[in-house]
Amino acid sequence: MAKYSQLAFVFPAATVAGWLVGAALDRWLHTTWLYLAGLIVGIAAGFVELIRTAVSYQSKTDSEPESKPERKSERK
């Protein structure tokens, strides 16, 4: 559960970081559209991290052996 809680911070942080980089490039290059490109790249980075975390968590749970309930030995 704690693995997925990091996404609550990573996804918005990647989006904001992309937007800020795009806005900085807009100011530097005197354009008006690069903030959108940065925003899209940030959102894509957030989704990539979401998928990586989900696949990593699933592969860890698949590799763990399932615990079988122990049977009580029957005595006659």
PDB file of N, CA and C in Angstrom:
ATOM      1  N   MET A   1       0.822  -1.196   0.000  1.00  0.00           N
ATOM      2  CA  MET A   1       0.000   0.000   0.000  1.00  0.00           C
ATOM      3  C   MET A   1       0.867   1.261   0.000  1.00  0.00           C
ATOM      4  N   ALA A   2       1.967   1.214   0.717  1.00  0.00           N
ATOM      5  CA  ALA A   2       2.842   2.384   0.785  1.00  0.00           C
ATOM      6  C   ALA A   2       3.479   2.680  -0.562  1.00  0.00           C
ATOM      7  N   LYS A   3       3.684   1.645  -1.377  1.00  0.00           N
ATOM      8  CA  LYS A   3       4.245   1.846  -2.711  1.00  0.00           C
ATOM      9  C   LYS A   3       3.336   2.745  -3.547  1.00  0.00           C
ATOM     10  N   TYR A   4       2.043   2.510  -3.447  1.00  0.00           N
ATOM     11  CA  TYR A   4       1.112   3.286  -4.251  1.00  0.00           C
ATOM     12  C   TYR A   4       0.895   4.688  -3.698  1.00  0.00           C
ATOM     13  N   SER A   5       1.146   4.885  -2.432  1.00  0.00           N
ATOM     14  CA  SER A   5       0.954   6.221  -1.875  1.00  0.00           C
ATOM     15  C   SER A   5       1.991   7.202  -2.406  1.00  0.00           C
ATOM     16  N   GLN A   6       3.143   6.707  -2.867  1.00  0.00           N
ATOM     17  CA  GLN A   6       4.138   7.608  -3.440  1.00  0.00           C
ATOM     18  C   GLN A   6       3.636   8.234  -4.732  1.00  0.00           C
ATOM     19  N   LEU A   7       2.719   7.560  -5.411  1.00  0.00           N
ATOM     20  CA  LEU A   7       2.193   8.101  -6.657  1.00  0.00           C
ATOM     21  C   LEU A   7       1.352   9.352  -6.432  1.00  0.00           C
ATOM     22  N   ALA A   8       0.829   9.494  -5.244  1.00  0.00           N
ATOM     23  CA  ALA A   8       0.062  10.698  -4.924  1.00  0.00           C
ATOM     24  C   ALA A   8       0.948  11.937  -4.973  1.00  0.00           C
ATOM     25  N   PHE A   9       2.249  11.748  -4.824  1.00  0.00           N
ATOM     26  CA  PHE A   9       3.182  12.862  -4.880  1.00  0.00           C
ATOM     27  C   PHE A   9       3.943  12.901  -6.203  1.00  0.00           C
ATOM     28  N   VAL A  10       4.299  11.742  -6.739  1.00  0.00           N
ATOM     29  CA  VAL A  10       5.119  11.679  -7.940  1.00  0.00           C
ATOM     30  C   VAL A  10       4.359  12.182  -9.160  1.00  0.00           C
ATOM     31  N   PHE A  11       3.134  11.763  -9.322  1.00  0.00           N
ATOM     32  CA  PHE A  11       2.369  12.146 -10.511  1.00  0.00           C
ATOM     33  C   PHE A  11       2.162  13.664 -10.598  1.00  0.00           C
ATOM     34  N   PRO A  12       1.671  14.323  -9.547  1.00  0.00           N
ATOM     35  CA  PRO A  12       1.531  15.785  -9.636  1.00  0.00           C
ATOM     36  C   PRO A  12       2.875  16.502  -9.717  1.00  0.00           C
ATOM     37  N   ALA A  13       3.892  15.974  -9.045  1.00  0.00           N
ATOM     38  CA  ALA A  13       5.206  16.627  -9.082  1.00  0.00           C
ATOM     39  C   ALA A  13       5.794  16.569 -10.497  1.00  0.00           C
ATOM     40  N   ALA A  14       5.643  15.443 -11.173  1.00  0.00           N
ATOM     41  CA  ALA A  14       6.137  15.331 -12.549  1.00  0.00           C
ATOM     42  C   ALA A  14       5.388  16.286 -13.468  1.00  0.00           C
ATOM     43  N   THR A  15       4.099  16.419 -13.257  1.00  0.00           N
ATOM     44  CA  THR A  15       3.299  17.331 -14.076  1.00  0.00           C
ATOM     45  C   THR A  15       3.721  18.774 -13.867  1.00  0.00           C
ATOM     46  N   VAL A  16       3.875  19.168 -12.619  1.00  0.00           N
ATOM     47  CA  VAL A  16       4.274  20.548 -12.312  1.00  0.00           C
ATOM     48  C   VAL A  16       5.697  20.815 -12.799  1.00  0.00           C
ATOM     49  N   ALA A  17       6.590  19.854 -12.629  1.00  0.00           N
ATOM     50  CA  ALA A  17       7.970  20.032 -13.089  1.00  0.00           C
ATOM     51  C   ALA A  17       8.014  20.218 -14.602  1.00  0.00           C
ATOM     52  N   GLY A  18       7.248  19.431 -15.332  1.00  0.00           N
ATOM     53  CA  GLY A  18       7.186  19.591 -16.783  1.00  0.00           C
ATOM     54  C   GLY A  18       6.645  20.949 -17.187  1.00  0.00           C
ATOM     55  N   TRP A  19       5.626  21.378 -16.481  1.00  0.00           N
ATOM     56  CA  TRP A  19       5.042  22.691 -16.769  1.00  0.00           C
ATOM     57  C   TRP A  19       6.036  23.816 -16.486  1.00  0.00           C
ATOM     58  N   LEU A  20       6.758  23.717 -15.371  1.00  0.00           N
ATOM     59  CA  LEU A  20       7.736  24.756 -15.023  1.00  0.00           C
ATOM     60  C   LEU A  20       8.892  24.808 -16.025  1.00  0.00           C
ATOM     61  N   VAL A  21       9.358  23.646 -16.453  1.00  0.00           N
ATOM     62  CA  VAL A  21      10.433  23.621 -17.448  1.00  0.00           C
ATOM     63  C   VAL A  21       9.937  24.235 -18.759  1.00  0.00           C
ATOM     64  N   GLY A  22       8.726  23.890 -19.156  1.00  0.00           N
ATOM     65  CA  GLY A  22       8.155  24.470 -20.370  1.00  0.00           C
ATOM     66  C   GLY A  22       7.978  25.973 -20.257  1.00  0.00           C
ATOM     67  N   ALA A  23       7.526  26.435 -19.101  1.00  0.00           N
ATOM     68  CA  ALA A  23       7.343  27.877 -18.906  1.00  0.00           C
ATOM     69  C   ALA A  23       8.691  28.603 -18.923  1.00  0.00           C
ATOM     70  N   ALA A  24       9.721  27.992 -18.347  1.00  0.00           N
ATOM     71  CA  ALA A  24      11.054  28.595 -18.369  1.00  0.00           C
ATOM     72  C   ALA A  24      11.585  28.671 -19.806  1.00  0.00           C
ATOM     73  N   LEU A  25      11.360  27.618 -20.577  1.00  0.00           N
ATOM     74  CA  LEU A  25      11.779  27.646 -21.981  1.00  0.00           C
ATOM     75  C   LEU A  25      10.991  28.694 -22.770  1.00  0.00           C
ATOM     76  N   ASP A  26       9.727  28.874 -22.442  1.00  0.00           N
ATOM     77  CA  ASP A  26       8.924  29.920 -23.089  1.00  0.00           C
ATOM     78  C   ASP A  26       9.530  31.293 -22.848  1.00  0.00           C
ATOM     79  N   ARG A  27       9.901  31.558 -21.612  1.00  0.00           N
ATOM     80  CA  ARG A  27      10.491  32.872 -21.302  1.00  0.00           C
ATOM     81  C   ARG A  27      11.841  33.047 -21.985  1.00  0.00           C
ATOM     82  N   TRP A  28      12.639  31.992 -21.996  1.00  0.00           N
ATOM     83  CA  TRP A  28      13.981  32.084 -22.557  1.00  0.00           C
ATOM     84  C   TRP A  28      13.950  32.239 -24.078  1.00  0.00           C
ATOM     85  N   LEU A  29      13.057  31.491 -24.728  1.00  0.00           N
ATOM     86  CA  LEU A  29      12.997  31.497 -26.184  1.00  0.00           C
ATOM     87  C   LEU A  29      11.926  32.435 -26.746  1.00  0.00           C
ATOM     88  N   HIS A  30      11.221  33.146 -25.878  1.00  0.00           N
ATOM     89  CA  HIS A  30      10.167  34.105 -26.271  1.00  0.00           C
ATOM     90  C   HIS A  30       9.102  33.437 -27.136  1.00  0.00           C
ATOM     91  N   THR A  31       8.617  32.292 -26.647  1.00  0.00           N
ATOM     92  CA  THR A  31       7.533  31.595 -27.321  1.00  0.00           C
ATOM     93  C   THR A  31       6.335  31.532 -26.377  1.00  0.00           C
ATOM     94  N   THR A  32       5.246  30.980 -26.861  1.00  0.00           N
ATOM     95  CA  THR A  32       4.051  30.895 -26.017  1.00  0.00           C
ATOM     96  C   THR A  32       3.460  29.496 -25.959  1.00  0.00           C
ATOM     97  N   TRP A  33       4.112  28.509 -26.528  1.00  0.00           N
ATOM     98  CA  TRP A  33       3.530  27.177 -26.597  1.00  0.00           C
ATOM     99  C   TRP A  33       4.351  26.093 -25.918  1.00  0.00           C
ATOM    100  N   LEU A  34       5.563  26.366 -25.535  1.00  0.00           N
ATOM    101  CA  LEU A  34       6.414  25.325 -24.968  1.00  0.00           C
ATOM    102  C   LEU A  34       5.942  24.848 -23.593  1.00  0.00           C
ATOM    103  N   TYR A  35       5.198  25.677 -22.876  1.00  0.00           N
ATOM    104  CA  TYR A  35       4.678  25.214 -21.589  1.00  0.00           C
ATOM    105  C   TYR A  35       3.732  24.037 -21.784  1.00  0.00           C
ATOM    106  N   LEU A  36       3.005  24.023 -22.904  1.00  0.00           N
ATOM    107  CA  LEU A  36       2.122  22.885 -23.194  1.00  0.00           C
ATOM    108  C   LEU A  36       2.933  21.626 -23.471  1.00  0.00           C
ATOM    109  N   ALA A  37       4.024  21.761 -24.207  1.00  0.00           N
ATOM    110  CA  ALA A  37       4.887  20.609 -24.470  1.00  0.00           C
ATOM    111  C   ALA A  37       5.469  20.080 -23.164  1.00  0.00           C
ATOM    112  N   GLY A  38       5.910  20.979 -22.296  1.00  0.00           N
ATOM    113  CA  GLY A  38       6.439  20.562 -20.995  1.00  0.00           C
ATOM    114  C   GLY A  38       5.380  19.898 -20.143  1.00  0.00           C
ATOM    115  N   LEU A  39       4.178  20.408 -20.202  1.00  0.00           N
ATOM    116  CA  LEU A  39       3.075  19.823 -19.450  1.00  0.00           C
ATOM    117  C   LEU A  39       2.771  18.412 -19.939  1.00  0.00           C
ATOM    118  N   ILE A  40       2.755  18.222 -21.239  1.00  0.00           N
ATOM    119  CA  ILE A  40       2.496  16.890 -21.805  1.00  0.00           C
ATOM    120  C   ILE A  40       3.606  15.921 -21.434  1.00  0.00           C
ATOM    121  N   VAL A  41       4.850  16.381 -21.498  1.00  0.00           N
ATOM    122  CA  VAL A  41       5.978  15.516 -21.124  1.00  0.00           C
ATOM    123  C   VAL A  41       5.898  15.162 -19.634  1.00  0.00           C
ATOM    124  N   GLY A  42       5.524  16.109 -18.795  1.00  0.00           N
ATOM    125  CA  GLY A  42       5.382  15.838 -17.368  1.00  0.00           C
ATOM    126  C   GLY A  42       4.279  14.837 -17.072  1.00  0.00           C
ATOM    127  N   ILE A  43       3.166  14.966 -17.746  1.00  0.00           N
ATOM    128  CA  ILE A  43       2.068  14.017 -17.569  1.00  0.00           C
ATOM    129  C   ILE A  43       2.491  12.628 -18.036  1.00  0.00           C
ATOM    130  N   ALA A  44       3.188  12.568 -19.167  1.00  0.00           N
ATOM    131  CA  ALA A  44       3.676  11.281 -19.672  1.00  0.00           C
ATOM    132  C   ALA A  44       4.650  10.647 -18.677  1.00  0.00           C
ATOM    133  N   ALA A  45       5.519  11.452 -18.091  1.00  0.00           N
ATOM    134  CA  ALA A  45       6.460  10.933 -17.097  1.00  0.00           C
ATOM    135  C   ALA A  45       5.719  10.402 -15.872  1.00  0.00           C
ATOM    136  N   GLY A  46       4.657  11.072 -15.471  1.00  0.00           N
ATOM    137  CA  GLY A  46       3.850  10.593 -14.354  1.00  0.00           C
ATOM    138  C   GLY A  46       3.195   9.256 -14.658  1.00  0.00           C
ATOM    139  N   PHE A  47       2.673   9.099 -15.874  1.00  0.00           N
ATOM    140  CA  PHE A  47       2.066   7.826 -16.257  1.00  0.00           C
ATOM    141  C   PHE A  47       3.100   6.715 -16.352  1.00  0.00           C
ATOM    142  N   VAL A  48       4.290   7.039 -16.852  1.00  0.00           N
ATOM    143  CA  VAL A  48       5.354   6.032 -16.919  1.00  0.00           C
ATOM    144  C   VAL A  48       5.690   5.531 -15.514  1.00  0.00           C
ATOM    145  N   GLU A  49       5.806   6.447 -14.577  1.00  0.00           N
ATOM    146  CA  GLU A  49       6.099   6.044 -13.195  1.00  0.00           C
ATOM    147  C   GLU A  49       4.951   5.230 -12.606  1.00  0.00           C
ATOM    148  N   LEU A  50       3.721   5.580 -12.933  1.00  0.00           N
ATOM    149  CA  LEU A  50       2.557   4.815 -12.483  1.00  0.00           C
ATOM    150  C   LEU A  50       2.627   3.379 -12.987  1.00  0.00           C
ATOM    151  N   ILE A  51       2.926   3.213 -14.257  1.00  0.00           N
ATOM    152  CA  ILE A  51       2.997   1.880 -14.850  1.00  0.00           C
ATOM    153  C   ILE A  51       4.171   1.103 -14.277  1.00  0.00           C
ATOM    154  N   ARG A  52       5.330   1.750 -14.120  1.00  0.00           N
ATOM    155  CA  ARG A  52       6.494   1.066 -13.565  1.00  0.00           C
ATOM    156  C   ARG A  52       6.227   0.576 -12.147  1.00  0.00           C
ATOM    157  N   THR A  53       5.572   1.380 -11.347  1.00  0.00           N
ATOM    158  CA  THR A  53       5.274   0.990  -9.980  1.00  0.00           C
ATOM    159  C   THR A  53       4.280  -0.169  -9.957  1.00  0.00           C
ATOM    160  N   ALA A  54       3.254  -0.098 -10.790  1.00  0.00           N
ATOM    161  CA  ALA A  54       2.251  -1.165 -10.814  1.00  0.00           C
ATOM    162  C   ALA A  54       2.859  -2.481 -11.282  1.00  0.00           C
ATOM    163  N   VAL A  55       3.677  -2.456 -12.318  1.00  0.00           N
ATOM    164  CA  VAL A  55       4.308  -3.675 -12.825  1.00  0.00           C
ATOM    165  C   VAL A  55       5.286  -4.230 -11.796  1.00  0.00           C
ATOM    166  N   SER A  56       6.029  -3.355 -11.155  1.00  0.00           N
ATOM    167  CA  SER A  56       6.987  -3.793 -10.134  1.00  0.00           C
ATOM    168  C   SER A  56       6.268  -4.459  -8.968  1.00  0.00           C
ATOM    169  N   TYR A  57       5.184  -3.860  -8.523  1.00  0.00           N
ATOM    170  CA  TYR A  57       4.441  -4.432  -7.406  1.00  0.00           C
ATOM    171  C   TYR A  57       3.821  -5.767  -7.788  1.00  0.00           C
ATOM    172  N   GLN A  58       3.296  -5.850  -9.009  1.00  0.00           N
ATOM    173  CA  GLN A  58       2.665  -7.090  -9.444  1.00  0.00           C
ATOM    174  C   GLN A  58       3.697  -8.204  -9.606  1.00  0.00           C
ATOM    175  N   SER A  59       4.862  -7.881 -10.130  1.00  0.00           N
ATOM    176  CA  SER A  59       5.876  -8.919 -10.303  1.00  0.00           C
ATOM    177  C   SER A  59       6.384  -9.417  -8.959  1.00  0.00           C
ATOM    178  N   LYS A  60       6.419  -8.559  -7.966  1.00  0.00           N
ATOM    179  CA  LYS A  60       6.831  -8.992  -6.628  1.00  0.00           C
ATOM    180  C   LYS A  60       5.790  -9.913  -6.004  1.00  0.00           C
ATOM    181  N   THR A  61       4.524  -9.624  -6.213  1.00  0.00           N
ATOM    182  CA  THR A  61       3.480 -10.465  -5.625  1.00  0.00           C
ATOM    183  C   THR A  61       3.347 -11.777  -6.382  1.00  0.00           C
ATOM    184  N   ASP A  62       3.646 -11.777  -7.686  1.00  0.00           N
ATOM    185  CA  ASP A  62       3.579 -13.018  -8.461  1.00  0.00           C
ATOM    186  C   ASP A  62       4.726 -13.959  -8.128  1.00  0.00           C
ATOM    187  N   SER A  63       5.878 -13.413  -7.780  1.00  0.00           N
ATOM    188  CA  SER A  63       7.036 -14.255  -7.511  1.00  0.00           C
ATOM    189  C   SER A  63       7.007 -14.861  -6.111  1.00  0.00           C
ATOM    190  N   GLU A  64       6.212 -14.313  -5.225  1.00  0.00           N
ATOM    191  CA  GLU A  64       6.116 -14.858  -3.880  1.00  0.00           C
ATOM    192  C   GLU A  64       5.253 -16.115  -3.903  1.00  0.00           C
ATOM    193  N   PRO A  65       5.710 -17.179  -3.272  1.00  0.00           N
ATOM    194  CA  PRO A  65       4.878 -18.390  -3.242  1.00  0.00           C
ATOM    195  C   PRO A  65       3.639 -18.157  -2.385  1.00  0.00           C
ATOM    196  N   GLU A  66       2.559 -18.716  -2.861  1.00  0.00           N
ATOM    197  CA  GLU A  66       1.318 -18.576  -2.102  1.00  0.00           C
ATOM    198  C   GLU A  66       1.397 -19.471  -0.875  1.00  0.00           C
ATOM    199  N   SER A  67       0.955 -18.944   0.230  1.00  0.00           N
ATOM    200  CA  SER A  67       0.985 -19.762   1.441  1.00  0.00           C
ATOM    201  C   SER A  67      -0.225 -20.689   1.439  1.00  0.00           C
ATOM    202  N   LYS A  68       0.057 -21.955   1.571  1.00  0.00           N
ATOM    203  CA  LYS A  68      -1.011 -22.943   1.597  1.00  0.00           C
ATOM    204  C   LYS A  68      -1.402 -23.189   3.044  1.00  0.00           C
ATOM    205  N   PRO A  69      -2.679 -23.317   3.285  1.00  0.00           N
ATOM    206  CA  PRO A  69      -3.087 -23.576   4.671  1.00  0.00           C
ATOM    207  C   PRO A  69      -2.563 -24.940   5.124  1.00  0.00           C
ATOM    208  N   GLU A  70      -2.056 -24.961   6.311  1.00  0.00           N
ATOM    209  CA  GLU A  70      -1.510 -26.213   6.841  1.00  0.00           C
ATOM    210  C   GLU A  70      -2.654 -27.136   7.231  1.00  0.00           C
ATOM    211  N   ARG A  71      -2.483 -28.388   6.873  1.00  0.00           N
ATOM    212  CA  ARG A  71      -3.498 -29.383   7.213  1.00  0.00           C
ATOM    213  C   ARG A  71      -3.113 -30.015   8.544  1.00  0.00           C
ATOM    214  N   LYS A  72      -4.085 -30.175   9.343  1.00  0.00           N
ATOM    215  CA  LYS A  72      -3.843 -30.854  10.607  1.00  0.00           C
ATOM    216  C   LYS A  72      -3.689 -32.349  10.335  1.00  0.00           C
ATOM    217  N   SER A  73      -2.717 -32.914  10.935  1.00  0.00           N
ATOM    218  CA  SER A  73      -2.505 -34.345  10.693  1.00  0.00           C
ATOM    219  C   SER A  73      -3.640 -35.137  11.369  1.00  0.00           C
ATOM    220  N   GLU A  74      -4.115 -36.096  10.616  1.00  0.00           N
ATOM    221  CA  GLU A  74      -5.208 -36.911  11.133  1.00  0.00           C
ATOM    222  C   GLU A  74      -4.633 -38.114  11.872  1.00  0.00           C
ATOM    223  N   ARG A  75      -5.074 -38.329  13.049  1.00  0.00           N
ATOM    224  CA  ARG A  75      -4.608 -39.469  13.840  1.00  0.00           C
ATOM    225  C   ARG A  75      -5.761 -40.453  13.996  1.00  0.00           C
ATOM    226  N   LYS A  76      -5.430 -41.715  13.809  1.00  0.00           N
ATOM    227  CA  LYS A  76      -6.454 -42.749  13.974  1.00  0.00           C
ATOM    228  C   LYS A  76      -6.192 -43.595  15.163  1.00  0.00           C
TER     229      LYS A  76
END
